Amino acid sequence: MPLCLSPNMKKTRIVFITTLTGLATLLGTVLGTAIINISAFFISASLAFAAGAMIYITGAELIPKSHRAHSNYANLGIIAGILLALFLG
């Protein structure tokens, strides 16, 4: 059975799949800590790749879907996120 999130999927299954996906971050942290003496170039390239992947997913998937569902809330969320990023940076 594929791991797609359908509208009639149980909420507990969705939470389980999301948690499983989030464990990749934990695994990456543990591996990064284990090989801490890796080159700065490799770390920079890895972070750039991850940032590019997140920008692609956000721009190609999340933003269009959020605009189809709730356009006003999507715009408000994007503006709030940009302002928060500017404030934190």
Protein backbone atom coordinates (compact mmCIF):
# COMPACT_ATOMS: atom_id res chain seq x y z
CA MET A 1 0.00 0.00 0.00
CA PRO A 2 1.52 3.36 -0.99
CA LEU A 3 2.22 6.02 1.60
CA CYS A 4 0.02 8.71 0.07
CA LEU A 5 -2.05 10.96 2.29
CA SER A 6 -5.65 10.68 1.17
CA PRO A 7 -8.56 12.66 2.63
CA ASN A 8 -10.13 9.57 4.19
CA MET A 9 -6.94 8.36 5.91
CA LYS A 10 -7.01 8.06 9.69
CA LYS A 11 -5.41 10.92 11.59
CA THR A 12 -3.27 8.55 13.64
CA ARG A 13 -1.74 7.14 10.45
CA ILE A 14 -1.01 10.65 9.18
CA VAL A 15 0.70 11.55 12.48
CA PHE A 16 2.69 8.29 12.32
CA ILE A 17 3.89 8.94 8.76
CA THR A 18 4.78 12.54 9.61
CA THR A 19 6.73 11.41 12.68
CA LEU A 20 8.54 8.79 10.63
CA THR A 21 9.48 11.45 8.10
CA GLY A 22 10.74 13.75 10.85
CA LEU A 23 13.03 11.01 12.14
CA ALA A 24 15.20 11.63 9.08
CA THR A 25 16.24 14.90 10.73
CA LEU A 26 17.27 13.03 13.85
CA LEU A 27 19.23 10.51 11.80
CA GLY A 28 20.98 13.33 9.92
CA THR A 29 21.88 15.03 13.18
CA VAL A 30 23.34 11.86 14.64
CA LEU A 31 25.34 11.15 11.48
CA GLY A 32 26.52 14.76 11.29
CA THR A 33 27.68 14.64 14.90
CA ALA A 34 29.46 11.35 14.31
CA ILE A 35 31.43 12.73 11.37
CA ILE A 36 31.95 16.26 12.70
CA ASN A 37 35.44 16.60 11.20
CA ILE A 38 34.08 16.65 7.67
CA SER A 39 35.12 19.47 5.34
CA ALA A 40 33.40 22.84 5.39
CA PHE A 41 32.85 22.55 1.62
CA PHE A 42 30.87 19.32 2.03
CA ILE A 43 28.72 20.85 4.77
CA SER A 44 28.08 23.96 2.65
CA ALA A 45 27.18 21.90 -0.40
CA SER A 46 24.84 19.68 1.63
CA LEU A 47 23.07 22.67 3.16
CA ALA A 48 22.72 24.31 -0.25
CA PHE A 49 21.23 21.11 -1.69
CA ALA A 50 18.76 20.84 1.20
CA ALA A 51 17.75 24.50 0.84
CA GLY A 52 17.21 24.06 -2.89
CA ALA A 53 15.07 20.99 -2.32
CA MET A 54 12.92 22.81 0.24
CA ILE A 55 12.50 25.84 -2.03
CA TYR A 56 11.46 23.57 -4.90
CA ILE A 57 8.94 21.66 -2.79
CA THR A 58 7.51 24.87 -1.37
CA GLY A 59 7.26 26.65 -4.71
CA ALA A 60 6.05 23.75 -6.81
CA GLU A 61 3.77 21.92 -4.38
CA LEU A 62 2.83 23.69 -1.15
CA ILE A 63 2.12 27.24 -2.29
CA PRO A 64 -0.11 26.29 -5.27
CA LYS A 65 -2.09 23.80 -3.17
CA SER A 66 -2.57 26.29 -0.35
CA HIS A 67 -3.80 28.92 -2.82
CA ARG A 68 -6.36 26.50 -4.24
CA ALA A 69 -7.63 25.65 -0.76
CA HIS A 70 -7.58 29.03 1.05
CA SER A 71 -6.07 31.84 -0.98
CA ASN A 72 -6.37 34.58 1.65
CA TYR A 73 -4.91 32.46 4.45
CA ALA A 74 -2.11 31.30 2.13
CA ASN A 75 -1.15 34.89 1.33
CA LEU A 76 -1.28 35.85 5.01
CA GLY A 77 0.91 32.86 5.91
CA ILE A 78 3.49 33.66 3.24
CA ILE A 79 3.70 37.30 4.32
CA ALA A 80 3.95 36.32 8.00
CA GLY A 81 6.71 33.81 7.18
CA ILE A 82 8.72 36.34 5.21
CA LEU A 83 8.39 38.93 7.97
CA LEU A 84 9.39 36.37 10.61
CA ALA A 85 12.45 35.38 8.56
CA LEU A 86 13.44 39.02 8.19
CA PHE A 87 12.98 39.61 11.90
CA LEU A 88 15.03 36.55 12.89
CA GLY A 89 17.75 37.24 10.33
